Amino acid sequence: MHVPSPRHAFAASLLSVALTACGGSAPPGPPSAPASASASQEAVSRIGDVTIRASAIPTSTLSEPVARQYGIARNDDTVMLLIGVRQGEGAQETALPARIVATASDLRGRKHVIDMRELRSGDPGSPQALLDYVGTVEVSPPDTLRFDVQIVRENGATSQMQFSRDFYPR
């Protein structure tokens, strides 16, 4: 039996949310704000052969199995921040250990520290083993969160990433 990796399960969860949103079975509601798609977009930073990817999505959009695997409760008022640090290209990518410090600021200027924890999956000896960092922050939709992320890799190299995402009520 093939067990999908957390990355594939996460992507499948996002795809199922997107496909569900395209279905015509539900009565039409108020039009969605065009920027709502930004919540699922990845922020990407490349430094040499190192790629840092960050995603921020409402935890209510996670499937039950993915939420359970990540140890996160599904909730309309909680956003999951997922960060991966990789070296190499495509199938040759390997996960890099890092220390992640993240904050999110809302439109009212309140700053929230996001406790990030390691999330390991796959065979630890395999080059395809994944190491990601996950944390959550509360949001009161509609709101925009500005994420400030500091990444310190094992070799001491530091990187910073800033990005914003809009969140709307479901």
Protein backbone atom coordinates (compact mmCIF):
# COMPACT_ATOMS: atom_id res chain seq x y z
CA MET A 1 0.00 0.00 0.00
CA HIS A 2 1.37 3.41 -1.00
CA VAL A 3 1.19 6.06 1.74
CA PRO A 4 1.39 9.62 0.37
CA SER A 5 4.03 11.92 1.78
CA PRO A 6 2.82 14.92 3.83
CA ARG A 7 3.74 17.21 0.91
CA HIS A 8 1.58 15.15 -1.47
CA ALA A 9 -1.23 14.89 1.09
CA PHE A 10 -1.05 18.66 1.63
CA ALA A 11 -1.16 19.32 -2.12
CA ALA A 12 -4.06 16.89 -2.52
CA SER A 13 -5.90 18.64 0.30
CA LEU A 14 -5.45 22.02 -1.37
CA LEU A 15 -6.52 20.56 -4.72
CA SER A 16 -9.65 19.03 -3.20
CA VAL A 17 -10.57 22.39 -1.66
CA ALA A 18 -10.06 24.09 -5.03
CA LEU A 19 -12.08 21.46 -6.88
CA THR A 20 -14.87 21.58 -4.31
CA ALA A 21 -15.04 25.33 -4.74
CA CYS A 22 -15.54 24.80 -8.51
CA GLY A 23 -18.51 22.46 -8.07
CA GLY A 24 -21.99 23.70 -8.86
CA SER A 25 -23.95 21.82 -6.19
CA ALA A 26 -24.02 24.59 -3.59
CA PRO A 27 -26.26 27.62 -4.04
CA PRO A 28 -24.35 30.72 -5.06
CA GLY A 29 -23.15 32.83 -2.16
CA PRO A 30 -21.62 36.25 -2.08
CA PRO A 31 -18.83 36.70 -4.59
CA SER A 32 -15.39 35.81 -3.26
CA ALA A 33 -12.81 38.48 -3.02
CA PRO A 34 -10.25 37.99 -5.78
CA ALA A 35 -7.33 38.09 -3.32
CA SER A 36 -8.68 35.09 -1.36
CA ALA A 37 -6.66 32.82 -3.65
CA SER A 38 -3.52 34.45 -2.26
CA ALA A 39 -3.96 32.53 0.99
CA SER A 40 -2.95 29.28 -0.73
CA GLN A 41 -0.06 30.67 -2.80
CA GLU A 42 3.48 29.80 -1.82
CA ALA A 43 6.01 32.48 -1.00
CA VAL A 44 9.37 31.39 -2.44
CA SER A 45 12.88 32.69 -1.81
CA ARG A 46 16.02 31.38 -3.52
CA ILE A 47 19.53 31.97 -2.24
CA GLY A 48 22.06 30.14 -4.41
CA ASP A 49 20.96 26.51 -4.54
CA VAL A 50 18.77 26.84 -1.41
CA THR A 51 15.02 27.32 -1.80
CA ILE A 52 12.74 28.42 1.05
CA ARG A 53 9.01 27.89 0.56
CA ALA A 54 6.31 29.22 2.88
CA SER A 55 2.56 28.65 2.74
CA ALA A 56 -0.12 30.12 4.99
CA ILE A 57 -3.59 28.59 4.80
CA PRO A 58 -6.69 28.42 7.02
CA THR A 59 -6.59 25.15 8.93
CA SER A 60 -10.28 24.59 8.13
CA THR A 61 -9.21 23.82 4.53
CA LEU A 62 -6.99 20.91 5.62
CA SER A 63 -8.41 17.42 5.27
CA GLU A 64 -8.92 15.53 8.53
CA PRO A 65 -6.03 13.10 7.84
CA VAL A 66 -3.60 15.93 7.02
CA ALA A 67 -4.67 17.96 10.07
CA ARG A 68 -4.21 14.88 12.26
CA GLN A 69 -0.79 14.13 10.73
CA TYR A 70 0.31 17.74 11.35
CA GLY A 71 -1.21 17.75 14.85
CA ILE A 72 -3.35 20.78 14.03
CA ALA A 73 -7.02 21.41 14.84
CA ARG A 74 -9.20 22.47 11.90
CA ASN A 75 -10.68 25.91 12.58
CA ASP A 76 -11.91 28.88 10.51
CA ASP A 77 -9.98 31.29 12.76
CA THR A 78 -6.60 29.53 12.66
CA VAL A 79 -3.95 29.80 9.96
CA MET A 80 -1.19 27.24 9.47
CA LEU A 81 2.26 28.47 8.45
CA LEU A 82 4.29 25.74 6.71
CA ILE A 83 7.94 26.35 5.81
CA GLY A 84 10.35 24.09 3.95
CA VAL A 85 14.07 24.70 3.39
CA ARG A 86 15.52 22.68 0.51
CA GLN A 87 18.83 22.43 -1.30
CA GLY A 88 19.15 21.31 -4.92
CA GLU A 89 16.68 21.08 -7.78
CA GLY A 90 13.61 18.95 -8.51
CA ALA A 91 14.04 15.28 -7.60
CA GLN A 92 17.51 16.06 -6.22
CA GLU A 93 16.13 18.38 -3.50
CA THR A 94 17.13 17.54 0.05
CA ALA A 95 15.66 19.00 3.23
CA LEU A 96 17.92 21.28 5.26
CA PRO A 97 17.63 21.64 9.04
CA ALA A 98 17.08 25.19 10.23
CA ARG A 99 15.86 27.27 13.13
CA ILE A 100 12.75 29.22 12.17
CA VAL A 101 11.51 32.33 13.98
CA ALA A 102 8.19 33.63 12.66
CA THR A 103 5.75 36.40 13.52
CA ALA A 104 2.50 37.56 11.96
CA SER A 105 1.10 41.09 12.21
CA ASP A 106 -2.56 41.83 11.53
CA LEU A 107 -4.13 45.01 10.14
CA ARG A 108 -4.65 46.37 13.68
CA GLY A 109 -0.89 46.23 14.21
CA ARG A 110 -0.98 43.33 16.67
CA LYS A 111 2.10 41.13 16.39
CA HIS A 112 1.77 37.40 17.07
CA VAL A 113 4.77 35.13 17.67
CA ILE A 114 4.30 31.82 15.84
CA ASP A 115 5.75 28.81 17.64
CA MET A 116 7.32 26.72 14.87
CA ARG A 117 8.02 23.02 15.30
CA GLU A 118 9.73 20.38 13.17
CA LEU A 119 7.59 18.04 11.12
CA ARG A 120 9.53 15.02 9.82
CA SER A 121 8.23 12.44 7.39
CA GLY A 122 9.63 9.65 5.27
CA ASP A 123 12.65 7.47 5.97
CA PRO A 124 15.22 9.57 7.89
CA GLY A 125 18.10 7.91 5.99
CA SER A 126 16.53 8.60 2.60
CA PRO A 127 17.43 11.69 0.57
CA GLN A 128 13.66 12.09 0.00
CA ALA A 129 12.96 12.39 3.75
CA LEU A 130 11.12 15.62 4.39
CA LEU A 131 11.74 18.11 7.14
CA ASP A 132 9.30 20.99 7.33
CA TYR A 133 8.39 23.50 10.00
CA VAL A 134 4.80 24.17 11.01
CA GLY A 135 3.07 26.63 13.32
CA THR A 136 -0.33 28.27 13.74
CA VAL A 137 -1.64 31.76 14.36
CA GLU A 138 -5.13 33.04 15.12
CA VAL A 139 -6.87 35.36 12.64
CA SER A 140 -10.23 37.18 12.68
CA PRO A 141 -11.33 37.19 9.03
CA PRO A 142 -11.50 39.36 7.08
CA ASP A 143 -7.91 40.33 7.76
CA THR A 144 -4.49 40.50 6.20
CA LEU A 145 -1.52 38.95 7.96
CA ARG A 146 2.04 40.06 7.27
CA PHE A 147 4.46 37.23 7.99
CA ASP A 148 8.06 37.95 8.97
CA VAL A 149 10.22 34.83 8.93
CA GLN A 150 13.86 34.46 9.93
CA ILE A 151 15.63 31.27 8.86
CA VAL A 152 18.96 30.23 10.39
CA ARG A 153 20.41 27.17 8.67
CA GLU A 154 22.66 24.65 10.43
CA ASN A 155 25.78 26.25 8.91
CA GLY A 156 24.81 29.63 10.43
CA ALA A 157 23.64 31.23 7.17
CA THR A 158 20.60 33.44 7.77
CA SER A 159 17.75 34.42 5.48
CA GLN A 160 14.68 36.56 5.95
CA MET A 161 11.35 36.36 4.21
CA GLN A 162 8.35 38.68 4.36
CA PHE A 163 4.98 38.11 2.71
CA SER A 164 1.33 38.98 3.26
CA ARG A 165 -1.82 36.93 2.85
CA ASP A 166 -5.48 37.92 2.91
CA PHE A 167 -8.00 35.79 4.81
CA TYR A 168 -11.77 35.97 4.34
CA PRO A 169 -14.71 34.36 6.15
CA ARG A 170 -15.91 31.10 4.62
